[in-house]
Structures are given as structure tokens and as C-alpha cells.
C-alpha atoms as a PDB file:
ATOM      1  CA  MET A   1      78.310  61.442  48.441  1.00  0.00           C
ATOM      2  CA  LYS A   2      78.719  63.807  51.704  1.00  0.00           C
ATOM      3  CA  ASP A   3      82.257  65.201  50.673  1.00  0.00           C
ATOM      4  CA  ASP A   4      80.727  65.830  47.116  1.00  0.00           C
ATOM      5  CA  VAL A   5      77.595  67.673  48.694  1.00  0.00           C
ATOM      6  CA  ARG A   6      79.804  69.827  50.937  1.00  0.00           C
ATOM      7  CA  LEU A   7      82.700  70.589  48.437  1.00  0.00           C
ATOM      8  CA  LYS A   8      79.642  71.951  46.147  1.00  0.00           C
ATOM      9  CA  ILE A   9      78.399  73.947  49.003  1.00  0.00           C
ATOM     10  CA  LEU A  10      81.660  75.421  49.568  1.00  0.00           C
ATOM     11  CA  ASP A  11      81.991  76.166  45.919  1.00  0.00           C
ATOM     12  CA  LEU A  12      79.146  78.023  45.700  1.00  0.00           C
ATOM     13  CA  LEU A  13      79.419  80.009  48.615  1.00  0.00           C
ATOM     14  CA  SER A  14      82.863  81.189  47.228  1.00  0.00           C
ATOM     15  CA  GLU A  15      80.690  83.111  44.924  1.00  0.00           C
ATOM     16  CA  ARG A  16      78.525  84.818  47.070  1.00  0.00           C
ATOM     17  CA  GLU A  17      76.634  84.586  50.369  1.00  0.00           C
ATOM     18  CA  MET A  18      73.639  82.137  50.038  1.00  0.00           C
ATOM     19  CA  ALA A  19      70.937  81.433  52.604  1.00  0.00           C
ATOM     20  CA  VAL A  20      70.073  77.702  53.310  1.00  0.00           C
ATOM     21  CA  SER A  21      67.035  78.067  50.976  1.00  0.00           C
ATOM     22  CA  ASP A  22      69.187  79.437  48.153  1.00  0.00           C
ATOM     23  CA  LEU A  23      71.388  76.318  48.550  1.00  0.00           C
ATOM     24  CA  SER A  24      68.853  74.028  48.392  1.00  0.00           C
ATOM     25  CA  LYS A  25      67.285  75.439  45.346  1.00  0.00           C
ATOM     26  CA  GLU A  26      70.882  75.285  43.899  1.00  0.00           C
ATOM     27  CA  LEU A  27      71.501  71.935  44.572  1.00  0.00           C
ATOM     28  CA  GLY A  28      67.908  70.174  44.597  1.00  0.00           C
ATOM     29  CA  LEU A  29      68.110  69.028  48.462  1.00  0.00           C
ATOM     30  CA  THR A  30      66.235  69.247  51.279  1.00  0.00           C
ATOM     31  CA  LYS A  31      66.682  72.345  53.392  1.00  0.00           C
ATOM     32  CA  ALA A  32      66.897  70.017  56.238  1.00  0.00           C
ATOM     33  CA  THR A  33      69.930  68.083  54.498  1.00  0.00           C
ATOM     34  CA  VAL A  34      71.681  71.392  53.549  1.00  0.00           C
ATOM     35  CA  LEU A  35      71.183  72.440  57.068  1.00  0.00           C
ATOM     36  CA  HIS A  36      73.086  69.345  58.542  1.00  0.00           C
ATOM     37  CA  HIS A  37      75.820  70.272  55.858  1.00  0.00           C
ATOM     38  CA  ILE A  38      76.223  73.738  56.850  1.00  0.00           C
ATOM     39  CA  ARG A  39      76.431  73.064  60.240  1.00  0.00           C
ATOM     40  CA  TYR A  40      79.345  70.366  60.082  1.00  0.00           C
ATOM     41  CA  LEU A  41      81.043  73.110  57.915  1.00  0.00           C
ATOM     42  CA  SER A  42      80.445  75.515  60.676  1.00  0.00           C
ATOM     43  CA  GLU A  43      81.673  73.573  63.406  1.00  0.00           C
ATOM     44  CA  GLU A  44      84.776  72.999  61.015  1.00  0.00           C
ATOM     45  CA  GLY A  45      85.401  76.680  60.749  1.00  0.00           C
ATOM     46  CA  LEU A  46      85.119  76.587  56.675  1.00  0.00           C
ATOM     47  CA  VAL A  47      82.017  78.634  57.023  1.00  0.00           C
ATOM     48  CA  ARG A  48      80.530  81.866  58.489  1.00  0.00           C
ATOM     49  CA  VAL A  49      77.418  83.715  58.831  1.00  0.00           C
ATOM     50  CA  THR A  50      77.795  86.843  57.113  1.00  0.00           C
ATOM     51  CA  ARG A  51      74.122  88.481  57.961  1.00  0.00           C
ATOM     52  CA  GLU A  52      71.124  87.774  59.281  1.00  0.00           C
ATOM     53  CA  GLU A  53      67.479  89.107  58.306  1.00  0.00           C
ATOM     54  CA  ARG A  54      63.744  88.624  60.022  1.00  0.00           C
ATOM     55  CA  VAL A  55      61.593  87.188  57.659  1.00  0.00           C
ATOM     56  CA  LYS A  56      58.018  86.793  59.384  1.00  0.00           C
ATOM     57  CA  ASN A  57      58.512  84.937  62.395  1.00  0.00           C
ATOM     58  CA  PHE A  58      62.312  83.618  61.647  1.00  0.00           C
ATOM     59  CA  ILE A  59      65.994  84.821  61.270  1.00  0.00           C
ATOM     60  CA  LYS A  60      66.896  83.842  57.697  1.00  0.00           C
ATOM     61  CA  LYS A  61      71.133  83.420  57.968  1.00  0.00           C
ATOM     62  CA  TYR A  62      73.585  84.079  54.891  1.00  0.00           C
ATOM     63  CA  TYR A  63      76.455  82.169  54.621  1.00  0.00           C
ATOM     64  CA  THR A  64      79.947  82.343  53.082  1.00  0.00           C
ATOM     65  CA  VAL A  65      83.027  80.303  52.877  1.00  0.00           C
ATOM     66  CA  SER A  66      85.413  81.473  55.859  1.00  0.00           C
ATOM     67  CA  LEU A  67      89.167  82.242  55.590  1.00  0.00           C
ATOM     68  CA  PRO A  68      91.610  80.120  57.933  1.00  0.00           C
ATOM     69  CA  ASN A  69      92.897  82.161  60.711  1.00  0.00           C
ATOM     70  CA  GLY A  70      90.117  84.311  60.575  1.00  0.00           C
ATOM     71  CA  GLY A  71      91.119  85.892  57.158  1.00  0.00           C
ATOM     72  CA  ALA A  72      93.836  88.041  56.165  1.00  0.00           C
ATOM     73  CA  ASP A  73      96.238  89.753  58.842  1.00  0.00           C
ATOM     74  CA  LYS A  74      95.587  93.724  58.285  1.00  0.00           C
ATOM     75  CA  LYS A  75      99.270  93.973  58.108  1.00  0.00           C
ATOM     76  CA  LEU A  76      99.884  91.936  55.130  1.00  0.00           C
ATOM     77  CA  MET A  77      96.576  93.872  53.921  1.00  0.00           C
ATOM     78  CA  ASP A  78      98.428  97.180  54.425  1.00  0.00           C
ATOM     79  CA  GLU A  79     101.378  95.783  52.730  1.00  0.00           C
ATOM     80  CA  ILE A  80      99.418  94.584  49.620  1.00  0.00           C
ATOM     81  CA  ARG A  81      97.487  98.332  49.426  1.00  0.00           C
ATOM     82  CA  LEU A  82     101.264  99.888  49.777  1.00  0.00           C
ATOM     83  CA  SER A  83     102.582  97.862  46.948  1.00  0.00           C
ATOM     84  CA  LEU A  84      99.815  99.020  44.714  1.00  0.00           C
ATOM     85  CA  LYS A  85     100.237 102.747  45.566  1.00  0.00           C
ATOM     86  CA  ASN A  86     103.921 102.274  44.674  1.00  0.00           C
ATOM     87  CA  LEU A  87     103.356 100.082  41.640  1.00  0.00           C
ATOM     88  CA  SER A  88     105.924  97.650  42.720  1.00  0.00           C
ATOM     89  CA  GLY A  89     105.436  94.384  41.319  1.00  0.00           C
ATOM     90  CA  GLU A  90     108.286  92.743  43.378  1.00  0.00           C
ATOM     91  CA  GLU A  91     106.787  94.100  46.736  1.00  0.00           C
ATOM     92  CA  PHE A  92     103.473  92.865  45.537  1.00  0.00           C
ATOM     93  CA  SER A  93     104.839  89.292  44.821  1.00  0.00           C
ATOM     94  CA  LYS A  94     106.301  89.051  48.387  1.00  0.00           C
ATOM     95  CA  SER A  95     103.291  90.327  50.175  1.00  0.00           C
ATOM     96  CA  LEU A  96     101.093  88.174  48.451  1.00  0.00           C
ATOM     97  CA  THR A  97     103.288  84.886  48.762  1.00  0.00           C
ATOM     98  CA  ARG A  98     103.157  85.974  52.680  1.00  0.00           C
ATOM     99  CA  PHE A  99      99.367  86.558  52.545  1.00  0.00           C
ATOM    100  CA  PHE A 100      98.940  82.705  51.131  1.00  0.00           C
ATOM    101  CA  GLY A 101     101.350  81.767  53.653  1.00  0.00           C
ATOM    102  CA  LEU A 102      99.035  83.264  56.381  1.00  0.00           C
ATOM    103  CA  GLY A 103      95.751  82.684  54.828  1.00  0.00           C
ATOM    104  CA  LEU A 104      95.697  79.087  53.035  1.00  0.00           C
ATOM    105  CA  LEU A 105      96.173  75.883  55.001  1.00  0.00           C
ATOM    106  CA  SER A 106      95.230  73.628  51.884  1.00  0.00           C
ATOM    107  CA  THR A 107      95.145  74.371  47.747  1.00  0.00           C
ATOM    108  CA  SER A 108      91.259  73.732  47.582  1.00  0.00           C
ATOM    109  CA  PRO A 109      90.187  75.822  44.516  1.00  0.00           C
ATOM    110  CA  TYR A 110      87.003  77.213  46.379  1.00  0.00           C
ATOM    111  CA  LEU A 111      89.546  78.602  48.947  1.00  0.00           C
ATOM    112  CA  LEU A 112      92.158  80.238  46.644  1.00  0.00           C
ATOM    113  CA  ARG A 113      89.075  81.890  44.866  1.00  0.00           C
ATOM    114  CA  LYS A 114      87.667  83.251  47.996  1.00  0.00           C
ATOM    115  CA  VAL A 115      91.246  84.732  49.180  1.00  0.00           C
ATOM    116  CA  GLY A 116      91.596  86.181  45.395  1.00  0.00           C
ATOM    117  CA  PHE A 117      87.975  87.786  46.100  1.00  0.00           C
ATOM    118  CA  GLU A 118      88.992  89.438  49.524  1.00  0.00           C
ATOM    119  CA  VAL A 119      92.160  90.839  47.899  1.00  0.00           C
ATOM    120  CA  GLY A 120      90.088  91.989  44.678  1.00  0.00           C
ATOM    121  CA  TYR A 121      87.379  93.518  46.903  1.00  0.00           C
ATOM    122  CA  GLY A 122      89.617  94.590  49.936  1.00  0.00           C
ATOM    123  CA  VAL A 123      92.102  96.313  47.690  1.00  0.00           C
ATOM    124  CA  PHE A 124      92.159  96.313  44.117  1.00  0.00           C
ATOM    125  CA  GLY A 125      88.762  97.775  43.997  1.00  0.00           C
ATOM    126  CA  GLU A 126      89.809 100.577  45.900  1.00  0.00           C
ATOM    127  CA  PHE A 127      91.862 101.785  42.677  1.00  0.00           C
ATOM    128  CA  ILE A 128      89.116 101.404  40.066  1.00  0.00           C
ATOM    129  CA  LYS A 129      87.013 104.304  39.766  1.00  0.00           C
ATOM    130  CA  ASP A 130      85.428 105.390  36.734  1.00  0.00           C
ATOM    131  CA  ARG A 131      86.590 102.663  33.852  1.00  0.00           C
ATOM    132  CA  PRO A 132      86.710  99.381  35.851  1.00  0.00           C
ATOM    133  CA  LEU A 133      87.672  97.241  33.167  1.00  0.00           C
ATOM    134  CA  ASP A 134      90.464  99.455  31.535  1.00  0.00           C
ATOM    135  CA  GLU A 135      91.849 100.603  35.183  1.00  0.00           C
ATOM    136  CA  LEU A 136      91.973  96.798  36.389  1.00  0.00           C
ATOM    137  CA  ALA A 137      93.948  96.237  33.247  1.00  0.00           C
ATOM    138  CA  ASP A 138      96.024  98.977  33.769  1.00  0.00           C
ATOM    139  CA  ILE A 139      97.114  97.946  37.441  1.00  0.00           C
ATOM    140  CA  TRP A 140      97.499  93.975  36.457  1.00  0.00           C
ATOM    141  CA  GLU A 141     100.216  94.901  34.211  1.00  0.00           C
ATOM    142  CA  LYS A 142     102.024  97.623  36.197  1.00  0.00           C
ATOM    143  CA  ILE A 143     102.414  94.762  39.063  1.00  0.00           C
ATOM    144  CA  GLY A 144     103.311  91.971  36.872  1.00  0.00           C
ATOM    145  CA  LEU A 145     100.532  89.802  36.956  1.00  0.00           C
ATOM    146  CA  GLY A 146     100.384  89.622  33.207  1.00  0.00           C
ATOM    147  CA  VAL A 147      99.799  91.245  29.790  1.00  0.00           C
ATOM    148  CA  VAL A 148      95.978  92.056  29.371  1.00  0.00           C
ATOM    149  CA  ALA A 149      96.028  91.029  25.264  1.00  0.00           C
ATOM    150  CA  GLU A 150      92.164  91.611  25.692  1.00  0.00           C
ATOM    151  CA  ILE A 151      89.547  92.852  27.410  1.00  0.00           C
ATOM    152  CA  THR A 152      85.818  93.029  27.191  1.00  0.00           C
ATOM    153  CA  ILE A 153      82.852  93.408  29.315  1.00  0.00           C
ATOM    154  CA  ASP A 154      82.657  89.458  29.228  1.00  0.00           C
ATOM    155  CA  LYS A 155      86.062  88.494  28.621  1.00  0.00           C
ATOM    156  CA  ILE A 156      89.747  89.187  29.869  1.00  0.00           C
ATOM    157  CA  VAL A 157      92.708  87.385  28.028  1.00  0.00           C
ATOM    158  CA  VAL A 158      96.021  87.506  29.922  1.00  0.00           C
ATOM    159  CA  GLU A 159      99.163  86.546  28.292  1.00  0.00           C
ATOM    160  CA  ASP A 160     102.670  86.087  30.112  1.00  0.00           C
ATOM    161  CA  CYS A 161     100.417  84.879  33.021  1.00  0.00           C
ATOM    162  CA  PHE A 162     102.540  85.825  36.500  1.00  0.00           C
ATOM    163  CA  PHE A 163     101.068  82.505  38.039  1.00  0.00           C
ATOM    164  CA  CYS A 164     100.837  79.818  35.464  1.00  0.00           C
ATOM    165  CA  SER A 165     103.170  80.567  32.606  1.00  0.00           C
ATOM    166  CA  ASN A 166     105.072  77.309  31.269  1.00  0.00           C
ATOM    167  CA  LEU A 167     103.269  75.323  34.114  1.00  0.00           C
ATOM    168  CA  PRO A 168     102.335  71.689  32.796  1.00  0.00           C
ATOM    169  CA  ASN A 169      99.277  70.898  30.989  1.00  0.00           C
ATOM    170  CA  THR A 170      96.966  69.137  33.708  1.00  0.00           C
ATOM    171  CA  GLY A 171      93.756  69.203  32.227  1.00  0.00           C
ATOM    172  CA  LYS A 172      92.416  71.774  34.773  1.00  0.00           C
ATOM    173  CA  THR A 173      93.030  75.499  34.947  1.00  0.00           C
ATOM    174  CA  TYR A 174      95.108  76.752  37.662  1.00  0.00           C
ATOM    175  CA  CYS A 175      94.339  80.637  38.359  1.00  0.00           C
ATOM    176  CA  LYS A 176      91.327  80.431  40.806  1.00  0.00           C
ATOM    177  CA  PHE A 177      92.840  83.112  42.786  1.00  0.00           C
ATOM    178  CA  ASP A 178      92.642  85.340  39.477  1.00  0.00           C
ATOM    179  CA  GLU A 179      88.974  84.383  39.088  1.00  0.00           C
ATOM    180  CA  GLY A 180      88.112  85.425  42.788  1.00  0.00           C
ATOM    181  CA  LEU A 181      90.404  88.872  42.150  1.00  0.00           C
ATOM    182  CA  ILE A 182      88.756  89.834  39.254  1.00  0.00           C
ATOM    183  CA  SER A 183      85.085  89.258  40.459  1.00  0.00           C
ATOM    184  CA  GLY A 184      85.752  90.913  43.751  1.00  0.00           C
ATOM    185  CA  ALA A 185      87.405  94.141  42.004  1.00  0.00           C
ATOM    186  CA  LEU A 186      84.643  94.181  39.791  1.00  0.00           C
ATOM    187  CA  GLU A 187      81.746  94.016  42.415  1.00  0.00           C
ATOM    188  CA  LYS A 188      83.593  96.575  44.757  1.00  0.00           C
ATOM    189  CA  ALA A 189      83.914  98.954  41.611  1.00  0.00           C
ATOM    190  CA  THR A 190      80.546  98.413  40.087  1.00  0.00           C
ATOM    191  CA  GLY A 191      78.349  97.076  43.256  1.00  0.00           C
ATOM    192  CA  ASP A 192      77.207  94.606  40.802  1.00  0.00           C
ATOM    193  CA  LYS A 193      78.294  90.775  41.693  1.00  0.00           C
ATOM    194  CA  TYR A 194      79.878  88.457  39.173  1.00  0.00           C
ATOM    195  CA  ILE A 195      80.864  84.988  38.312  1.00  0.00           C
ATOM    196  CA  VAL A 196      84.089  84.893  36.797  1.00  0.00           C
ATOM    197  CA  ARG A 197      85.710  81.386  35.485  1.00  0.00           C
ATOM    198  CA  GLU A 198      89.017  80.663  33.721  1.00  0.00           C
ATOM    199  CA  VAL A 199      88.138  79.057  30.233  1.00  0.00           C
ATOM    200  CA  LYS A 200      91.766  78.659  28.882  1.00  0.00           C
ATOM    201  CA  CYS A 201      94.749  78.211  30.760  1.00  0.00           C
ATOM    202  CA  TRP A 202      98.392  76.913  30.638  1.00  0.00           C
ATOM    203  CA  GLY A 203      96.443  74.046  32.799  1.00  0.00           C
ATOM    204  CA  ASN A 204      94.028  72.912  30.031  1.00  0.00           C
ATOM    205  CA  GLY A 205      96.486  73.371  26.726  1.00  0.00           C
ATOM    206  CA  TYR A 206      96.543  77.183  26.179  1.00  0.00           C
ATOM    207  CA  GLU A 207      99.506  79.502  26.010  1.00  0.00           C
ATOM    208  CA  PHE A 208      97.484  82.274  27.789  1.00  0.00           C
ATOM    209  CA  CYS A 209      94.753  82.755  30.105  1.00  0.00           C
ATOM    210  CA  GLU A 210      91.205  83.296  29.219  1.00  0.00           C
ATOM    211  CA  PHE A 211      88.402  84.294  31.844  1.00  0.00           C
ATOM    212  CA  SER A 212      84.897  84.746  31.456  1.00  0.00           C
ATOM    213  CA  ILE A 213      82.824  87.426  32.996  1.00  0.00           C
ATOM    214  CA  LYS A 214      79.076  87.043  33.800  1.00  0.00           C
ATOM    215  CA  LYS A 215      76.971  89.635  35.886  1.00  0.00           C
ATOM    216  CA  ILE A 216      74.699  87.823  38.344  1.00  0.00           C
ATOM    217  CA  LYS A 217      71.278  88.970  38.053  1.00  0.00           C
ATOM    218  CA  ILE A 218      69.953  89.455  41.547  1.00  0.00           C
END
């Protein structure tokens, strides 16, 4: 039960920063219980404080998932950025593989999504300006992540996916990294927050990927 709660907390924090009170409402648990789990996850280096704000007589802390090894190495992020400028799919793939080698100690879904968000927000978002969805689709194809067959305000369909094409049907979607990448890029470009979920994938019986996009109302 404890592990289930902690995994749920990590999943929520991979989407956006949240305070103990936010997590309490979302999970239906007391603040004391949530705080107990947050302290444990903090000690294990899995979550960190993103900011603090004073609310009346106490300090309200916001948390997010913490990447292993302190996050992406600056040099690797620069390499990814350079490959985008040069529109080099080969170099992007190489740099991204190295990024995973540094940043991931496991293949936990929440962590893959968080790494994707960091790349989307920190790199892709810099190249998306006036037409976020169209520009995202253009970059996606030019660096070889797949062919964007359809893109709307609430959906992206990708064929020939770089990551999951021809992988076996396991009953689960594969592209957690892409979920994070899309949400991070759109947040950077628009200033709004998004929840992106892959609903169709080679992993659950389809020969294409479909991502649902939902803007979070704050």
C-alpha cells in the first residue's frame, strides 16, 4: 500500500509541481500522511522542492520529481540543442541515448515522462514560437522521431515512431518520454500547462501512436 501511494505521488509530480495540500486533495489522504510519504521520497532523492511561498503564518512548499544525478548534464543538453539547430536526426539520437544513460537509473514510467518534459521544456520549446503544434510537428519529423499524420489542439497521431515501431504488444503504451516531451514543449511555448497521454501505441495493439492533449485549468 505504501509503495502504491508513493508511486501515485511520483506520477502526479511528474505532471506538475504540487504542494502537500494539493496532493492530499488529489489522493484523498490526510496532509500528515502525504507529508510522511513526501519526506521519505525526499530522503531517497526522488522528489525535491521547486519553490516556497508564504501563506499567512507558514511556508508552503511545492514539490516535483527529481531526476537522478541532479538532472541532465549541461554538456548533453547543449549537444541536443545543437542537433536540433542542425536538424540532425543521427546526432539527436546519439545525444538522446547518452542523455538517458546519464539521467535514468531505472525505466520507471514517471521518470521517463519527467526526462521527456525536461527536454521538451528546456530544448524543444526554444524552437517553437508562433504556431506551437505545427512547429512541434515539423521538428518531430525533421529529427526523425516519426511521421506526424495528424495534429490538432487535443490530439497528435504519429506513424513510424522512432521509439516503439515494431515493438511487441504488451497491453501498455511505450512512449512515456514523448508524453513528457510534448507537454514540456507546449508549456514552454504557450505558458500553459498540459497533460499529455499516449492512448494508442504499438504496445497496446496499434501500428501508430496517438497522444491526447489536455490543457490544465489553473
